[in-house]
Amino acid sequence: MGDEAEKQQRLKDFKGYTVDKKLMSQAKIDAVFMHCLPAYYDYEVTKDVAHGHNSVIFDEAENRMWAQIAIMVTLCK
């Protein structure tokens, strides 16, 4: 996802590859779900996985934000 010009083709190509509860149940109990956001719910991942107890997507987004801020501060010096 992310390239809207190719969205329809990607939806077709990746149909059936959604990360859902059934797929996550096959992972180890301490497995985490990561995604760089924005997520296309029910295409890439179901909302219950993205917002579930194994998800770290918002922690990941916060870490990315601080890294981007550090880059901006460095470039502005």
PDB file of N, CA and C in Angstrom:
ATOM      1  N   MET A   1       0.839  -1.177   0.000  1.00  0.00           N
ATOM      2  CA  MET A   1       0.000   0.000   0.000  1.00  0.00           C
ATOM      3  C   MET A   1       0.882   1.236   0.000  1.00  0.00           C
ATOM      4  N   GLY A   2       0.275   2.386  -0.006  1.00  0.00           N
ATOM      5  CA  GLY A   2       1.027   3.625  -0.005  1.00  0.00           C
ATOM      6  C   GLY A   2       1.135   4.263  -1.372  1.00  0.00           C
ATOM      7  N   ASP A   3       1.104   3.481  -2.433  1.00  0.00           N
ATOM      8  CA  ASP A   3       1.138   4.029  -3.787  1.00  0.00           C
ATOM      9  C   ASP A   3      -0.278   3.941  -4.343  1.00  0.00           C
ATOM     10  N   GLU A   4      -1.007   5.025  -4.177  1.00  0.00           N
ATOM     11  CA  GLU A   4      -2.437   5.016  -4.516  1.00  0.00           C
ATOM     12  C   GLU A   4      -2.700   4.750  -5.993  1.00  0.00           C
ATOM     13  N   ALA A   5      -1.750   5.045  -6.859  1.00  0.00           N
ATOM     14  CA  ALA A   5      -1.935   4.796  -8.291  1.00  0.00           C
ATOM     15  C   ALA A   5      -2.031   3.302  -8.581  1.00  0.00           C
ATOM     16  N   GLU A   6      -1.432   2.488  -7.716  1.00  0.00           N
ATOM     17  CA  GLU A   6      -1.438   1.041  -7.908  1.00  0.00           C
ATOM     18  C   GLU A   6      -2.356   0.322  -6.918  1.00  0.00           C
ATOM     19  N   LYS A   7      -3.201   1.050  -6.225  1.00  0.00           N
ATOM     20  CA  LYS A   7      -4.006   0.483  -5.142  1.00  0.00           C
ATOM     21  C   LYS A   7      -4.853  -0.697  -5.595  1.00  0.00           C
ATOM     22  N   GLN A   8      -5.583  -0.557  -6.665  1.00  0.00           N
ATOM     23  CA  GLN A   8      -6.476  -1.630  -7.104  1.00  0.00           C
ATOM     24  C   GLN A   8      -5.704  -2.892  -7.469  1.00  0.00           C
ATOM     25  N   GLN A   9      -4.562  -2.739  -8.122  1.00  0.00           N
ATOM     26  CA  GLN A   9      -3.750  -3.904  -8.481  1.00  0.00           C
ATOM     27  C   GLN A   9      -3.185  -4.578  -7.239  1.00  0.00           C
ATOM     28  N   ARG A  10      -2.755  -3.786  -6.281  1.00  0.00           N
ATOM     29  CA  ARG A  10      -2.212  -4.348  -5.041  1.00  0.00           C
ATOM     30  C   ARG A  10      -3.291  -5.069  -4.242  1.00  0.00           C
ATOM     31  N   LEU A  11      -4.496  -4.506  -4.201  1.00  0.00           N
ATOM     32  CA  LEU A  11      -5.594  -5.180  -3.508  1.00  0.00           C
ATOM     33  C   LEU A  11      -5.844  -6.552  -4.126  1.00  0.00           C
ATOM     34  N   LYS A  12      -5.782  -6.609  -5.432  1.00  0.00           N
ATOM     35  CA  LYS A  12      -5.980  -7.879  -6.146  1.00  0.00           C
ATOM     36  C   LYS A  12      -4.819  -8.841  -5.875  1.00  0.00           C
ATOM     37  N   ASP A  13      -3.603  -8.351  -5.982  1.00  0.00           N
ATOM     38  CA  ASP A  13      -2.417  -9.201  -5.814  1.00  0.00           C
ATOM     39  C   ASP A  13      -2.281  -9.772  -4.406  1.00  0.00           C
ATOM     40  N   PHE A  14      -2.651  -8.988  -3.409  1.00  0.00           N
ATOM     41  CA  PHE A  14      -2.453  -9.409  -2.024  1.00  0.00           C
ATOM     42  C   PHE A  14      -3.712  -9.942  -1.346  1.00  0.00           C
ATOM     43  N   LYS A  15      -4.770 -10.158  -2.121  1.00  0.00           N
ATOM     44  CA  LYS A  15      -6.000 -10.718  -1.562  1.00  0.00           C
ATOM     45  C   LYS A  15      -5.687 -12.076  -0.930  1.00  0.00           C
ATOM     46  N   GLY A  16      -6.142 -12.263   0.285  1.00  0.00           N
ATOM     47  CA  GLY A  16      -5.885 -13.512   0.993  1.00  0.00           C
ATOM     48  C   GLY A  16      -4.648 -13.478   1.885  1.00  0.00           C
ATOM     49  N   TYR A  17      -3.946 -12.363   1.902  1.00  0.00           N
ATOM     50  CA  TYR A  17      -2.743 -12.232   2.714  1.00  0.00           C
ATOM     51  C   TYR A  17      -2.932 -11.263   3.871  1.00  0.00           C
ATOM     52  N   THR A  18      -4.129 -11.183   4.398  1.00  0.00           N
ATOM     53  CA  THR A  18      -4.432 -10.291   5.517  1.00  0.00           C
ATOM     54  C   THR A  18      -3.972 -10.922   6.826  1.00  0.00           C
ATOM     55  N   VAL A  19      -3.294 -10.138   7.656  1.00  0.00           N
ATOM     56  CA  VAL A  19      -2.912 -10.616   8.983  1.00  0.00           C
ATOM     57  C   VAL A  19      -4.159 -10.514   9.858  1.00  0.00           C
ATOM     58  N   ASP A  20      -4.626 -11.658  10.310  1.00  0.00           N
ATOM     59  CA  ASP A  20      -5.834 -11.700  11.131  1.00  0.00           C
ATOM     60  C   ASP A  20      -5.584 -12.558  12.380  1.00  0.00           C
ATOM     61  N   LYS A  21      -6.611 -12.699  13.216  1.00  0.00           N
ATOM     62  CA  LYS A  21      -6.468 -13.468  14.457  1.00  0.00           C
ATOM     63  C   LYS A  21      -6.025 -14.899  14.182  1.00  0.00           C
ATOM     64  N   LYS A  22      -6.561 -15.495  13.141  1.00  0.00           N
ATOM     65  CA  LYS A  22      -6.215 -16.878  12.811  1.00  0.00           C
ATOM     66  C   LYS A  22      -4.720 -16.993  12.512  1.00  0.00           C
ATOM     67  N   LEU A  23      -4.196 -16.078  11.740  1.00  0.00           N
ATOM     68  CA  LEU A  23      -2.768 -16.101  11.419  1.00  0.00           C
ATOM     69  C   LEU A  23      -1.927 -15.833  12.662  1.00  0.00           C
ATOM     70  N   MET A  24      -2.307 -14.837  13.447  1.00  0.00           N
ATOM     71  CA  MET A  24      -1.553 -14.509  14.656  1.00  0.00           C
ATOM     72  C   MET A  24      -1.595 -15.652  15.671  1.00  0.00           C
ATOM     73  N   SER A  25      -2.647 -16.446  15.671  1.00  0.00           N
ATOM     74  CA  SER A  25      -2.739 -17.570  16.610  1.00  0.00           C
ATOM     75  C   SER A  25      -1.698 -18.647  16.304  1.00  0.00           C
ATOM     76  N   GLN A  26      -1.139 -18.625  15.103  1.00  0.00           N
ATOM     77  CA  GLN A  26      -0.111 -19.595  14.729  1.00  0.00           C
ATOM     78  C   GLN A  26       1.288 -19.138  15.144  1.00  0.00           C
ATOM     79  N   ALA A  27       1.404 -17.893  15.564  1.00  0.00           N
ATOM     80  CA  ALA A  27       2.695 -17.357  16.001  1.00  0.00           C
ATOM     81  C   ALA A  27       2.927 -17.687  17.468  1.00  0.00           C
ATOM     82  N   LYS A  28       4.154 -17.495  17.916  1.00  0.00           N
ATOM     83  CA  LYS A  28       4.465 -17.700  19.333  1.00  0.00           C
ATOM     84  C   LYS A  28       3.646 -16.744  20.181  1.00  0.00           C
ATOM     85  N   ILE A  29       3.431 -17.095  21.416  1.00  0.00           N
ATOM     86  CA  ILE A  29       2.588 -16.310  22.320  1.00  0.00           C
ATOM     87  C   ILE A  29       3.126 -14.895  22.518  1.00  0.00           C
ATOM     88  N   ASP A  30       4.451 -14.715  22.425  1.00  0.00           N
ATOM     89  CA  ASP A  30       5.033 -13.394  22.629  1.00  0.00           C
ATOM     90  C   ASP A  30       5.336 -12.662  21.316  1.00  0.00           C
ATOM     91  N   ALA A  31       4.776 -13.145  20.216  1.00  0.00           N
ATOM     92  CA  ALA A  31       4.963 -12.484  18.923  1.00  0.00           C
ATOM     93  C   ALA A  31       4.322 -11.101  18.959  1.00  0.00           C
ATOM     94  N   VAL A  32       4.919 -10.162  18.230  1.00  0.00           N
ATOM     95  CA  VAL A  32       4.359  -8.821  18.157  1.00  0.00           C
ATOM     96  C   VAL A  32       3.988  -8.502  16.718  1.00  0.00           C
ATOM     97  N   PHE A  33       2.987  -7.660  16.577  1.00  0.00           N
ATOM     98  CA  PHE A  33       2.595  -7.186  15.257  1.00  0.00           C
ATOM     99  C   PHE A  33       3.127  -5.778  15.086  1.00  0.00           C
ATOM    100  N   MET A  34       3.852  -5.564  13.977  1.00  0.00           N
ATOM    101  CA  MET A  34       4.406  -4.244  13.672  1.00  0.00           C
ATOM    102  C   MET A  34       3.885  -3.796  12.312  1.00  0.00           C
ATOM    103  N   HIS A  35       3.681  -2.500  12.184  1.00  0.00           N
ATOM    104  CA  HIS A  35       3.241  -1.922  10.917  1.00  0.00           C
ATOM    105  C   HIS A  35       3.677  -0.469  10.904  1.00  0.00           C
ATOM    106  N   CYS A  36       4.124   0.013   9.761  1.00  0.00           N
ATOM    107  CA  CYS A  36       4.645   1.383   9.701  1.00  0.00           C
ATOM    108  C   CYS A  36       3.544   2.436   9.554  1.00  0.00           C
ATOM    109  N   LEU A  37       2.327   2.041   9.410  1.00  0.00           N
ATOM    110  CA  LEU A  37       1.163   2.911   9.294  1.00  0.00           C
ATOM    111  C   LEU A  37       1.273   3.864   8.100  1.00  0.00           C
ATOM    112  N   PRO A  38       0.238   4.280   7.518  1.00  0.00           N
ATOM    113  CA  PRO A  38      -1.146   3.974   7.856  1.00  0.00           C
ATOM    114  C   PRO A  38      -1.520   2.564   7.413  1.00  0.00           C
ATOM    115  N   ALA A  39      -2.366   1.938   8.183  1.00  0.00           N
ATOM    116  CA  ALA A  39      -2.810   0.577   7.890  1.00  0.00           C
ATOM    117  C   ALA A  39      -4.133   0.617   7.132  1.00  0.00           C
ATOM    118  N   TYR A  40      -4.265  -0.270   6.199  1.00  0.00           N
ATOM    119  CA  TYR A  40      -5.520  -0.433   5.467  1.00  0.00           C
ATOM    120  C   TYR A  40      -6.250  -1.607   6.100  1.00  0.00           C
ATOM    121  N   TYR A  41      -7.117  -1.292   7.057  1.00  0.00           N
ATOM    122  CA  TYR A  41      -7.805  -2.345   7.800  1.00  0.00           C
ATOM    123  C   TYR A  41      -8.629  -3.230   6.877  1.00  0.00           C
ATOM    124  N   ASP A  42      -8.566  -4.520   7.190  1.00  0.00           N
ATOM    125  CA  ASP A  42      -9.254  -5.591   6.470  1.00  0.00           C
ATOM    126  C   ASP A  42      -8.657  -5.869   5.094  1.00  0.00           C
ATOM    127  N   TYR A  43      -7.586  -5.187   4.730  1.00  0.00           N
ATOM    128  CA  TYR A  43      -6.824  -5.533   3.525  1.00  0.00           C
ATOM    129  C   TYR A  43      -5.466  -6.078   3.957  1.00  0.00           C
ATOM    130  N   GLU A  44      -4.725  -5.293   4.706  1.00  0.00           N
ATOM    131  CA  GLU A  44      -3.410  -5.707   5.189  1.00  0.00           C
ATOM    132  C   GLU A  44      -3.519  -6.425   6.527  1.00  0.00           C
ATOM    133  N   VAL A  45      -4.336  -5.873   7.399  1.00  0.00           N
ATOM    134  CA  VAL A  45      -4.467  -6.374   8.760  1.00  0.00           C
ATOM    135  C   VAL A  45      -5.882  -6.081   9.253  1.00  0.00           C
ATOM    136  N   THR A  46      -6.377  -6.941  10.115  1.00  0.00           N
ATOM    137  CA  THR A  46      -7.680  -6.660  10.712  1.00  0.00           C
ATOM    138  C   THR A  46      -7.490  -5.706  11.884  1.00  0.00           C
ATOM    139  N   LYS A  47      -8.524  -4.968  12.181  1.00  0.00           N
ATOM    140  CA  LYS A  47      -8.446  -3.965  13.244  1.00  0.00           C
ATOM    141  C   LYS A  47      -8.170  -4.612  14.603  1.00  0.00           C
ATOM    142  N   ASP A  48      -8.729  -5.808  14.844  1.00  0.00           N
ATOM    143  CA  ASP A  48      -8.514  -6.464  16.133  1.00  0.00           C
ATOM    144  C   ASP A  48      -7.053  -6.873  16.334  1.00  0.00           C
ATOM    145  N   VAL A  49      -6.325  -7.170  15.277  1.00  0.00           N
ATOM    146  CA  VAL A  49      -4.897  -7.469  15.402  1.00  0.00           C
ATOM    147  C   VAL A  49      -4.109  -6.172  15.556  1.00  0.00           C
ATOM    148  N   ALA A  50      -4.410  -5.181  14.725  1.00  0.00           N
ATOM    149  CA  ALA A  50      -3.675  -3.915  14.768  1.00  0.00           C
ATOM    150  C   ALA A  50      -3.821  -3.209  16.109  1.00  0.00           C
ATOM    151  N   HIS A  51      -4.934  -3.392  16.772  1.00  0.00           N
ATOM    152  CA  HIS A  51      -5.174  -2.743  18.057  1.00  0.00           C
ATOM    153  C   HIS A  51      -5.178  -3.745  19.212  1.00  0.00           C
ATOM    154  N   GLY A  52      -4.727  -4.958  18.947  1.00  0.00           N
ATOM    155  CA  GLY A  52      -4.725  -6.011  19.960  1.00  0.00           C
ATOM    156  C   GLY A  52      -3.523  -5.956  20.884  1.00  0.00           C
ATOM    157  N   HIS A  53      -3.488  -6.908  21.813  1.00  0.00           N
ATOM    158  CA  HIS A  53      -2.434  -6.917  22.832  1.00  0.00           C
ATOM    159  C   HIS A  53      -1.055  -7.257  22.268  1.00  0.00           C
ATOM    160  N   ASN A  54      -0.970  -7.840  21.084  1.00  0.00           N
ATOM    161  CA  ASN A  54       0.316  -8.167  20.476  1.00  0.00           C
ATOM    162  C   ASN A  54       0.831  -7.056  19.563  1.00  0.00           C
ATOM    163  N   SER A  55       0.083  -5.993  19.426  1.00  0.00           N
ATOM    164  CA  SER A  55       0.448  -4.923  18.503  1.00  0.00           C
ATOM    165  C   SER A  55       1.334  -3.881  19.183  1.00  0.00           C
ATOM    166  N   VAL A  56       2.345  -3.452  18.441  1.00  0.00           N
ATOM    167  CA  VAL A  56       3.222  -2.378  18.921  1.00  0.00           C
ATOM    168  C   VAL A  56       3.276  -1.239  17.892  1.00  0.00           C
ATOM    169  N   ILE A  57       2.229  -1.127  17.083  1.00  0.00           N
ATOM    170  CA  ILE A  57       2.266  -0.165  15.979  1.00  0.00           C
ATOM    171  C   ILE A  57       2.347   1.280  16.462  1.00  0.00           C
ATOM    172  N   PHE A  58       1.718   1.596  17.575  1.00  0.00           N
ATOM    173  CA  PHE A  58       1.758   2.985  18.040  1.00  0.00           C
ATOM    174  C   PHE A  58       3.084   3.303  18.733  1.00  0.00           C
ATOM    175  N   ASP A  59       3.671   2.322  19.412  1.00  0.00           N
ATOM    176  CA  ASP A  59       5.019   2.505  19.959  1.00  0.00           C
ATOM    177  C   ASP A  59       6.008   2.697  18.813  1.00  0.00           C
ATOM    178  N   GLU A  60       5.858   1.904  17.763  1.00  0.00           N
ATOM    179  CA  GLU A  60       6.716   2.008  16.595  1.00  0.00           C
ATOM    180  C   GLU A  60       6.589   3.389  15.945  1.00  0.00           C
ATOM    181  N   ALA A  61       5.358   3.873  15.827  1.00  0.00           N
ATOM    182  CA  ALA A  61       5.124   5.197  15.236  1.00  0.00           C
ATOM    183  C   ALA A  61       5.745   6.297  16.093  1.00  0.00           C
ATOM    184  N   GLU A  62       5.642   6.172  17.412  1.00  0.00           N
ATOM    185  CA  GLU A  62       6.239   7.180  18.297  1.00  0.00           C
ATOM    186  C   GLU A  62       7.760   7.174  18.160  1.00  0.00           C
ATOM    187  N   ASN A  63       8.363   6.003  18.096  1.00  0.00           N
ATOM    188  CA  ASN A  63       9.816   5.923  17.919  1.00  0.00           C
ATOM    189  C   ASN A  63      10.234   6.568  16.610  1.00  0.00           C
ATOM    190  N   ARG A  64       9.466   6.338  15.555  1.00  0.00           N
ATOM    191  CA  ARG A  64       9.766   6.931  14.254  1.00  0.00           C
ATOM    192  C   ARG A  64       9.665   8.453  14.331  1.00  0.00           C
ATOM    193  N   MET A  65       8.660   8.952  15.060  1.00  0.00           N
ATOM    194  CA  MET A  65       8.490  10.398  15.207  1.00  0.00           C
ATOM    195  C   MET A  65       9.728  11.024  15.850  1.00  0.00           C
ATOM    196  N   TRP A  66      10.227  10.420  16.947  1.00  0.00           N
ATOM    197  CA  TRP A  66      11.392  10.976  17.634  1.00  0.00           C
ATOM    198  C   TRP A  66      12.625  10.915  16.746  1.00  0.00           C
ATOM    199  N   ALA A  67      12.753   9.860  15.962  1.00  0.00           N
ATOM    200  CA  ALA A  67      13.894   9.768  15.039  1.00  0.00           C
ATOM    201  C   ALA A  67      13.816  10.860  13.977  1.00  0.00           C
ATOM    202  N   GLN A  68      12.622  11.125  13.485  1.00  0.00           N
ATOM    203  CA  GLN A  68      12.449  12.181  12.483  1.00  0.00           C
ATOM    204  C   GLN A  68      12.719  13.559  13.076  1.00  0.00           C
ATOM    205  N   ILE A  69      12.307  13.780  14.303  1.00  0.00           N
ATOM    206  CA  ILE A  69      12.589  15.045  14.975  1.00  0.00           C
ATOM    207  C   ILE A  69      14.102  15.238  15.137  1.00  0.00           C
ATOM    208  N   ALA A  70      14.798  14.173  15.521  1.00  0.00           N
ATOM    209  CA  ALA A  70      16.250  14.261  15.681  1.00  0.00           C
ATOM    210  C   ALA A  70      16.925  14.615  14.367  1.00  0.00           C
ATOM    211  N   ILE A  71      16.461  14.042  13.284  1.00  0.00           N
ATOM    212  CA  ILE A  71      17.011  14.372  11.965  1.00  0.00           C
ATOM    213  C   ILE A  71      16.757  15.841  11.640  1.00  0.00           C
ATOM    214  N   MET A  72      15.552  16.321  11.893  1.00  0.00           N
ATOM    215  CA  MET A  72      15.224  17.725  11.599  1.00  0.00           C
ATOM    216  C   MET A  72      16.081  18.674  12.437  1.00  0.00           C
ATOM    217  N   VAL A  73      16.259  18.364  13.715  1.00  0.00           N
ATOM    218  CA  VAL A  73      17.071  19.220  14.589  1.00  0.00           C
ATOM    219  C   VAL A  73      18.512  19.245  14.076  1.00  0.00           C
ATOM    220  N   THR A  74      19.029  18.102  13.689  1.00  0.00           N
ATOM    221  CA  THR A  74      20.407  18.025  13.170  1.00  0.00           C
ATOM    222  C   THR A  74      20.546  18.854  11.884  1.00  0.00           C
ATOM    223  N   LEU A  75      19.571  18.765  11.005  1.00  0.00           N
ATOM    224  CA  LEU A  75      19.633  19.492   9.752  1.00  0.00           C
ATOM    225  C   LEU A  75      19.458  20.996   9.910  1.00  0.00           C
ATOM    226  N   CYS A  76      18.792  21.412  10.966  1.00  0.00           N
ATOM    227  CA  CYS A  76      18.542  22.832  11.195  1.00  0.00           C
ATOM    228  C   CYS A  76      19.688  23.539  11.898  1.00  0.00           C
ATOM    229  N   LYS A  77      20.687  22.812  12.307  1.00  0.00           N
ATOM    230  CA  LYS A  77      21.819  23.429  13.026  1.00  0.00           C
ATOM    231  C   LYS A  77      22.723  24.161  12.074  1.00  0.00           C
TER     232      LYS A  77
END
